[in-house]
N, C-alpha and C. Protein backbone atom coordinates (compact mmCIF):
# COMPACT_ATOMS: atom_id res chain seq x y z
N MET A 1 4.64 -22.10 -8.19
CA MET A 1 4.07 -21.36 -9.35
C MET A 1 3.36 -20.16 -9.04
N PRO A 2 4.00 -19.03 -9.85
CA PRO A 2 3.61 -17.59 -9.53
C PRO A 2 1.99 -17.54 -9.65
N ASN A 3 1.51 -16.64 -9.01
CA ASN A 3 0.03 -16.26 -9.00
C ASN A 3 -0.11 -14.72 -9.35
N SER A 4 -1.08 -14.34 -10.02
CA SER A 4 -1.33 -13.01 -10.51
C SER A 4 -2.45 -12.32 -9.27
N TYR A 5 -2.04 -11.15 -9.13
CA TYR A 5 -2.75 -10.33 -8.22
C TYR A 5 -3.22 -8.96 -8.64
N ALA A 6 -4.30 -8.34 -8.31
CA ALA A 6 -4.66 -7.07 -8.47
C ALA A 6 -4.48 -6.32 -7.19
N LEU A 7 -3.68 -5.34 -7.25
CA LEU A 7 -3.40 -4.35 -6.08
C LEU A 7 -4.26 -3.43 -6.34
N LEU A 8 -5.34 -3.15 -5.63
CA LEU A 8 -6.37 -1.94 -5.74
C LEU A 8 -6.12 -1.00 -4.70
N MET A 9 -5.63 0.28 -5.25
CA MET A 9 -5.30 1.29 -4.31
C MET A 9 -6.61 2.20 -4.19
N TYR A 10 -6.86 2.55 -2.98
CA TYR A 10 -8.03 3.36 -2.69
C TYR A 10 -7.66 4.80 -1.87
N ALA A 11 -8.28 5.79 -2.26
CA ALA A 11 -7.88 7.16 -1.58
C ALA A 11 -9.20 7.93 -1.59
N ASP A 12 -9.06 8.95 -0.67
CA ASP A 12 -10.15 9.92 -0.72
C ASP A 12 -10.06 11.04 -1.81
N PRO A 13 -10.87 11.22 -2.85
CA PRO A 13 -10.91 11.95 -3.99
C PRO A 13 -10.55 13.44 -3.45
N ASP A 14 -11.26 14.00 -2.42
CA ASP A 14 -11.08 15.24 -2.01
C ASP A 14 -9.67 15.54 -1.46
N HIS A 15 -8.96 14.53 -0.80
CA HIS A 15 -7.54 14.63 -0.46
C HIS A 15 -6.81 14.81 -1.93
N THR A 16 -6.98 13.86 -2.84
CA THR A 16 -6.45 13.83 -4.07
C THR A 16 -6.47 15.27 -4.74
N ARG A 17 -7.57 15.83 -4.76
CA ARG A 17 -7.73 17.22 -5.26
C ARG A 17 -6.85 18.28 -4.58
N ALA A 18 -6.66 18.11 -3.32
CA ALA A 18 -6.04 19.03 -2.43
C ALA A 18 -4.54 18.97 -2.35
N MET A 19 -4.07 17.87 -3.34
CA MET A 19 -2.57 17.69 -3.36
C MET A 19 -1.86 18.77 -3.97
N THR A 20 -0.83 19.16 -3.77
CA THR A 20 -0.10 20.33 -4.56
C THR A 20 0.73 19.55 -5.59
N ASP A 21 1.29 20.31 -6.51
CA ASP A 21 2.20 19.75 -7.46
C ASP A 21 3.44 19.01 -6.70
N ASP A 22 3.86 19.63 -5.83
CA ASP A 22 5.05 18.74 -5.12
C ASP A 22 4.65 17.56 -4.47
N ASP A 23 3.35 17.61 -4.00
CA ASP A 23 2.78 16.24 -3.45
C ASP A 23 2.71 15.12 -4.55
N LEU A 24 2.00 15.63 -5.56
CA LEU A 24 1.91 14.81 -6.79
C LEU A 24 3.30 14.46 -7.17
N ALA A 25 4.18 15.18 -7.20
CA ALA A 25 5.61 14.80 -7.78
C ALA A 25 6.16 13.62 -6.90
N VAL A 26 6.05 13.69 -5.49
CA VAL A 26 6.48 12.76 -4.62
C VAL A 26 5.79 11.45 -5.02
N VAL A 27 4.43 11.45 -5.25
CA VAL A 27 3.74 10.20 -5.46
C VAL A 27 4.36 9.64 -6.80
N ALA A 28 4.42 10.42 -7.75
CA ALA A 28 5.07 9.97 -8.97
C ALA A 28 6.44 9.21 -8.87
N ARG A 29 7.29 10.12 -8.06
CA ARG A 29 8.68 9.34 -7.97
C ARG A 29 8.43 8.07 -7.19
N LYS A 30 7.64 7.95 -6.26
CA LYS A 30 7.51 6.78 -5.51
C LYS A 30 7.07 5.46 -6.42
N HIS A 31 6.21 5.74 -7.24
CA HIS A 31 5.58 4.90 -8.07
C HIS A 31 6.60 4.45 -9.28
N ALA A 32 7.31 5.45 -9.83
CA ALA A 32 8.30 5.15 -10.72
C ALA A 32 9.42 4.15 -10.22
N ALA A 33 9.72 4.42 -8.92
CA ALA A 33 10.80 3.53 -8.15
C ALA A 33 10.27 2.26 -8.05
N LEU A 34 8.80 2.02 -7.74
CA LEU A 34 8.38 0.75 -7.36
C LEU A 34 8.13 0.00 -8.69
N ARG A 35 7.68 0.77 -9.83
CA ARG A 35 7.53 0.16 -11.16
C ARG A 35 9.04 -0.27 -11.56
N ASP A 36 10.12 0.45 -11.29
CA ASP A 36 11.47 -0.16 -11.70
C ASP A 36 11.88 -1.23 -10.85
N GLU A 37 11.54 -1.32 -9.56
CA GLU A 37 11.85 -2.56 -8.74
C GLU A 37 11.17 -3.69 -9.28
N LEU A 38 9.77 -3.67 -9.53
CA LEU A 38 8.95 -4.73 -9.88
C LEU A 38 9.20 -5.26 -11.26
N GLY A 39 9.63 -4.21 -12.12
CA GLY A 39 10.14 -4.58 -13.42
C GLY A 39 11.37 -5.38 -13.49
N ALA A 40 12.35 -5.11 -12.67
CA ALA A 40 13.53 -5.64 -12.45
C ALA A 40 13.32 -7.20 -12.08
N SER A 41 12.30 -7.36 -11.08
CA SER A 41 12.19 -8.64 -10.61
C SER A 41 11.07 -9.46 -11.45
N ASP A 42 10.66 -8.72 -12.63
CA ASP A 42 9.73 -9.46 -13.40
C ASP A 42 8.36 -9.71 -12.88
N GLU A 43 8.09 -9.09 -11.75
CA GLU A 43 6.71 -9.19 -11.08
C GLU A 43 5.65 -8.44 -11.58
N LEU A 44 5.90 -7.20 -12.18
CA LEU A 44 5.04 -6.21 -12.69
C LEU A 44 4.31 -6.61 -13.97
N ARG A 45 3.05 -6.64 -14.21
CA ARG A 45 2.40 -7.08 -15.27
C ARG A 45 1.65 -5.90 -16.02
N GLY A 46 1.40 -4.81 -14.97
CA GLY A 46 0.62 -3.74 -15.63
C GLY A 46 0.07 -2.92 -14.53
N GLY A 47 -0.55 -1.82 -14.85
CA GLY A 47 -1.36 -0.99 -13.86
C GLY A 47 -1.35 0.47 -14.34
N ALA A 48 -2.22 1.29 -13.70
CA ALA A 48 -2.37 2.50 -14.15
C ALA A 48 -3.13 3.21 -13.04
N GLY A 49 -3.04 4.58 -13.05
CA GLY A 49 -3.80 5.53 -12.15
C GLY A 49 -5.16 5.67 -12.90
N LEU A 50 -6.17 6.01 -12.14
CA LEU A 50 -7.56 6.16 -12.71
C LEU A 50 -7.98 7.50 -12.47
N LEU A 51 -8.83 8.07 -13.22
CA LEU A 51 -9.54 9.32 -13.13
C LEU A 51 -10.49 9.36 -11.73
N LEU A 52 -10.82 10.55 -11.35
CA LEU A 52 -11.45 10.92 -10.13
C LEU A 52 -12.93 10.26 -10.46
N PRO A 53 -13.59 9.76 -9.17
CA PRO A 53 -14.90 9.13 -9.48
C PRO A 53 -15.98 10.08 -10.07
N ASP A 54 -15.95 11.32 -9.98
CA ASP A 54 -16.90 12.31 -10.55
C ASP A 54 -16.65 12.41 -12.04
N GLU A 55 -15.51 11.77 -12.46
CA GLU A 55 -15.16 11.88 -14.08
C GLU A 55 -15.49 10.51 -14.68
N THR A 56 -16.41 9.65 -14.00
CA THR A 56 -16.79 8.23 -14.55
C THR A 56 -18.11 8.18 -14.88
N VAL A 57 -18.40 7.14 -15.62
CA VAL A 57 -19.87 6.83 -16.11
C VAL A 57 -20.07 5.37 -15.35
N VAL A 58 -21.11 5.20 -14.71
CA VAL A 58 -21.44 3.86 -14.35
C VAL A 58 -22.62 3.26 -15.22
N VAL A 59 -22.41 2.16 -15.86
CA VAL A 59 -23.32 1.55 -16.87
C VAL A 59 -23.95 0.27 -16.08
N ARG A 60 -25.15 0.38 -16.14
CA ARG A 60 -26.14 -0.78 -15.47
C ARG A 60 -27.12 -1.21 -16.49
N PRO A 61 -27.69 -2.35 -16.33
CA PRO A 61 -28.78 -2.83 -17.27
C PRO A 61 -29.78 -1.65 -17.47
N GLY A 62 -29.95 -1.09 -18.73
CA GLY A 62 -30.90 -0.16 -18.91
C GLY A 62 -30.80 1.11 -18.32
N ALA A 63 -29.47 1.44 -17.86
CA ALA A 63 -29.34 2.90 -17.45
C ALA A 63 -27.85 3.23 -17.46
N THR A 64 -27.53 4.52 -17.33
CA THR A 64 -26.22 5.09 -17.26
C THR A 64 -26.26 6.18 -16.26
N HIS A 65 -25.28 6.49 -15.45
CA HIS A 65 -25.21 7.59 -14.80
C HIS A 65 -23.97 8.11 -14.54
N GLN A 66 -23.70 9.48 -14.53
CA GLN A 66 -22.38 9.97 -14.20
C GLN A 66 -22.06 9.95 -12.81
N GLY A 67 -20.88 9.88 -12.53
CA GLY A 67 -20.45 9.74 -11.23
C GLY A 67 -20.01 8.52 -10.66
N PRO A 68 -19.51 8.42 -9.32
CA PRO A 68 -19.19 7.13 -8.82
C PRO A 68 -20.06 6.03 -8.80
N LEU A 69 -19.61 4.75 -8.64
CA LEU A 69 -20.50 3.57 -8.45
C LEU A 69 -21.30 3.72 -7.05
N MET A 70 -20.56 4.07 -6.15
CA MET A 70 -21.16 4.26 -4.74
C MET A 70 -20.85 5.55 -4.05
N ASP A 71 -21.58 5.90 -3.09
CA ASP A 71 -21.38 6.98 -2.16
C ASP A 71 -20.43 6.32 -0.99
N ALA A 72 -19.22 6.82 -1.23
CA ALA A 72 -18.06 6.27 -0.31
C ALA A 72 -16.99 7.50 0.07
N THR A 73 -16.26 7.50 0.99
CA THR A 73 -15.27 8.41 1.18
C THR A 73 -13.87 8.06 0.39
N GLU A 74 -13.70 6.70 0.20
CA GLU A 74 -12.61 6.27 -0.33
C GLU A 74 -13.25 5.72 -1.70
N HIS A 75 -12.36 5.68 -2.78
CA HIS A 75 -12.78 5.23 -4.04
C HIS A 75 -11.29 4.80 -4.76
N LEU A 76 -11.42 3.84 -5.54
CA LEU A 76 -10.41 3.20 -6.32
C LEU A 76 -9.66 4.22 -7.10
N THR A 77 -8.43 4.42 -6.91
CA THR A 77 -7.60 5.51 -7.56
C THR A 77 -6.54 4.93 -8.44
N ALA A 78 -6.25 3.73 -8.21
CA ALA A 78 -5.11 3.21 -9.16
C ALA A 78 -4.92 1.78 -8.89
N TYR A 79 -4.32 1.09 -9.78
CA TYR A 79 -4.15 -0.50 -9.62
C TYR A 79 -2.82 -0.92 -10.19
N TYR A 80 -2.22 -1.89 -9.62
CA TYR A 80 -1.27 -2.65 -10.22
C TYR A 80 -1.65 -4.13 -10.47
N GLU A 81 -1.09 -4.75 -11.54
CA GLU A 81 -1.19 -6.14 -11.65
C GLU A 81 0.24 -6.65 -11.41
N VAL A 82 0.25 -7.59 -10.49
CA VAL A 82 1.54 -8.18 -10.17
C VAL A 82 1.50 -9.93 -10.37
N GLU A 83 2.69 -10.46 -10.47
CA GLU A 83 2.59 -11.85 -10.50
C GLU A 83 3.83 -12.20 -9.40
N CYS A 84 3.28 -12.99 -8.50
CA CYS A 84 4.26 -13.05 -7.22
C CYS A 84 4.20 -14.61 -6.91
N ALA A 85 5.27 -15.19 -6.32
CA ALA A 85 5.37 -16.54 -5.96
C ALA A 85 4.40 -16.91 -4.82
N THR A 86 4.11 -16.00 -4.03
CA THR A 86 3.25 -16.09 -2.90
C THR A 86 2.28 -14.93 -2.57
N PRO A 87 1.23 -15.27 -1.96
CA PRO A 87 0.39 -14.18 -1.61
C PRO A 87 0.87 -13.13 -0.67
N GLU A 88 1.84 -13.68 0.13
CA GLU A 88 2.57 -12.87 1.23
C GLU A 88 3.38 -11.81 0.41
N ARG A 89 3.93 -12.20 -0.67
CA ARG A 89 4.76 -11.29 -1.54
C ARG A 89 3.96 -10.08 -2.10
N ALA A 90 2.68 -10.40 -2.50
CA ALA A 90 1.79 -9.57 -3.04
C ALA A 90 1.36 -8.54 -1.84
N GLN A 91 1.08 -9.18 -0.57
CA GLN A 91 0.75 -8.22 0.40
C GLN A 91 1.92 -7.28 0.82
N GLU A 92 3.17 -7.74 0.73
CA GLU A 92 4.42 -6.98 0.90
C GLU A 92 4.39 -5.82 -0.06
N ILE A 93 4.25 -5.99 -1.15
CA ILE A 93 4.18 -5.00 -2.36
C ILE A 93 3.11 -3.86 -1.93
N ALA A 94 1.85 -4.51 -1.62
CA ALA A 94 0.68 -3.50 -1.25
C ALA A 94 1.13 -2.76 -0.13
N ALA A 95 1.75 -3.20 1.00
CA ALA A 95 2.25 -2.36 1.98
C ALA A 95 3.13 -1.13 1.56
N HIS A 96 3.76 -1.29 0.42
CA HIS A 96 4.74 -0.24 0.01
C HIS A 96 3.68 0.93 -0.62
N LEU A 97 2.51 0.52 -1.01
CA LEU A 97 1.65 1.60 -1.65
C LEU A 97 0.94 2.63 -0.63
N LEU A 98 0.86 2.15 0.54
CA LEU A 98 0.30 2.96 1.57
C LEU A 98 1.06 4.18 1.80
N ASP A 99 0.35 5.26 2.20
CA ASP A 99 0.94 6.69 2.54
C ASP A 99 -0.26 7.59 2.86
N ASP A 100 -0.08 8.79 2.96
CA ASP A 100 -1.18 9.63 3.42
C ASP A 100 -2.22 9.88 2.35
N HIS A 101 -1.82 9.51 1.00
CA HIS A 101 -2.73 9.48 -0.14
C HIS A 101 -3.45 8.15 -0.33
N VAL A 102 -2.79 7.13 -0.42
CA VAL A 102 -3.43 5.95 -0.51
C VAL A 102 -3.58 5.31 0.84
N THR A 103 -4.84 5.08 1.34
CA THR A 103 -5.14 4.63 2.69
C THR A 103 -5.53 3.37 2.76
N ALA A 104 -5.73 2.52 1.61
CA ALA A 104 -6.06 1.23 1.65
C ALA A 104 -5.73 0.56 0.43
N VAL A 105 -5.20 -0.69 0.49
CA VAL A 105 -4.88 -1.36 -0.67
C VAL A 105 -5.44 -2.95 -0.64
N GLU A 106 -6.37 -3.25 -1.65
CA GLU A 106 -7.11 -4.51 -1.58
C GLU A 106 -6.20 -5.32 -2.43
N VAL A 107 -5.68 -6.47 -1.94
CA VAL A 107 -5.04 -7.60 -2.62
C VAL A 107 -5.85 -8.69 -3.04
N ARG A 108 -6.22 -8.76 -4.42
CA ARG A 108 -7.28 -9.66 -4.91
C ARG A 108 -6.55 -10.45 -5.87
N GLY A 109 -6.94 -11.78 -5.75
CA GLY A 109 -6.26 -12.60 -6.80
C GLY A 109 -6.81 -12.70 -8.02
N ILE A 110 -6.21 -12.98 -9.13
CA ILE A 110 -6.84 -12.82 -10.37
C ILE A 110 -6.90 -14.16 -10.83
N HIS A 111 -8.38 -14.77 -11.01
CA HIS A 111 -8.42 -16.24 -11.42
C HIS A 111 -8.38 -16.53 -12.99
N ASP A 112 -8.53 -15.38 -13.73
CA ASP A 112 -8.36 -15.67 -15.16
C ASP A 112 -7.89 -14.62 -15.88
N THR A 113 -6.65 -14.93 -16.51
CA THR A 113 -5.97 -13.73 -17.31
C THR A 113 -6.03 -14.29 -18.74
N ALA A 114 -5.79 -13.08 -19.56
CA ALA A 114 -5.71 -13.35 -20.92
C ALA A 114 -4.22 -13.66 -21.31
């Protein structure tokens, strides 16, 4: 039975800001190819790139603040939701997401889907 996983990609926002248009085009082509591959195998359920952490708002009980949730070097930059037959397949896909921009990918099982 297939399982759903969130592949949470992390990057350094300063590195992201320093990327050239050519660098961004390489990343876009890489993700387009991966989306095509995962779509063809019916493993892709969704995903998106996220705005930089300083463009976010954190909401807590009784308060909101501008900026990232935590002070860290790496922040969540994008995600994919995939459905895979095994956790190892999800990890294999995650490994394809690593490069000099995406420095870590967290593979997290999704326990409740709509």
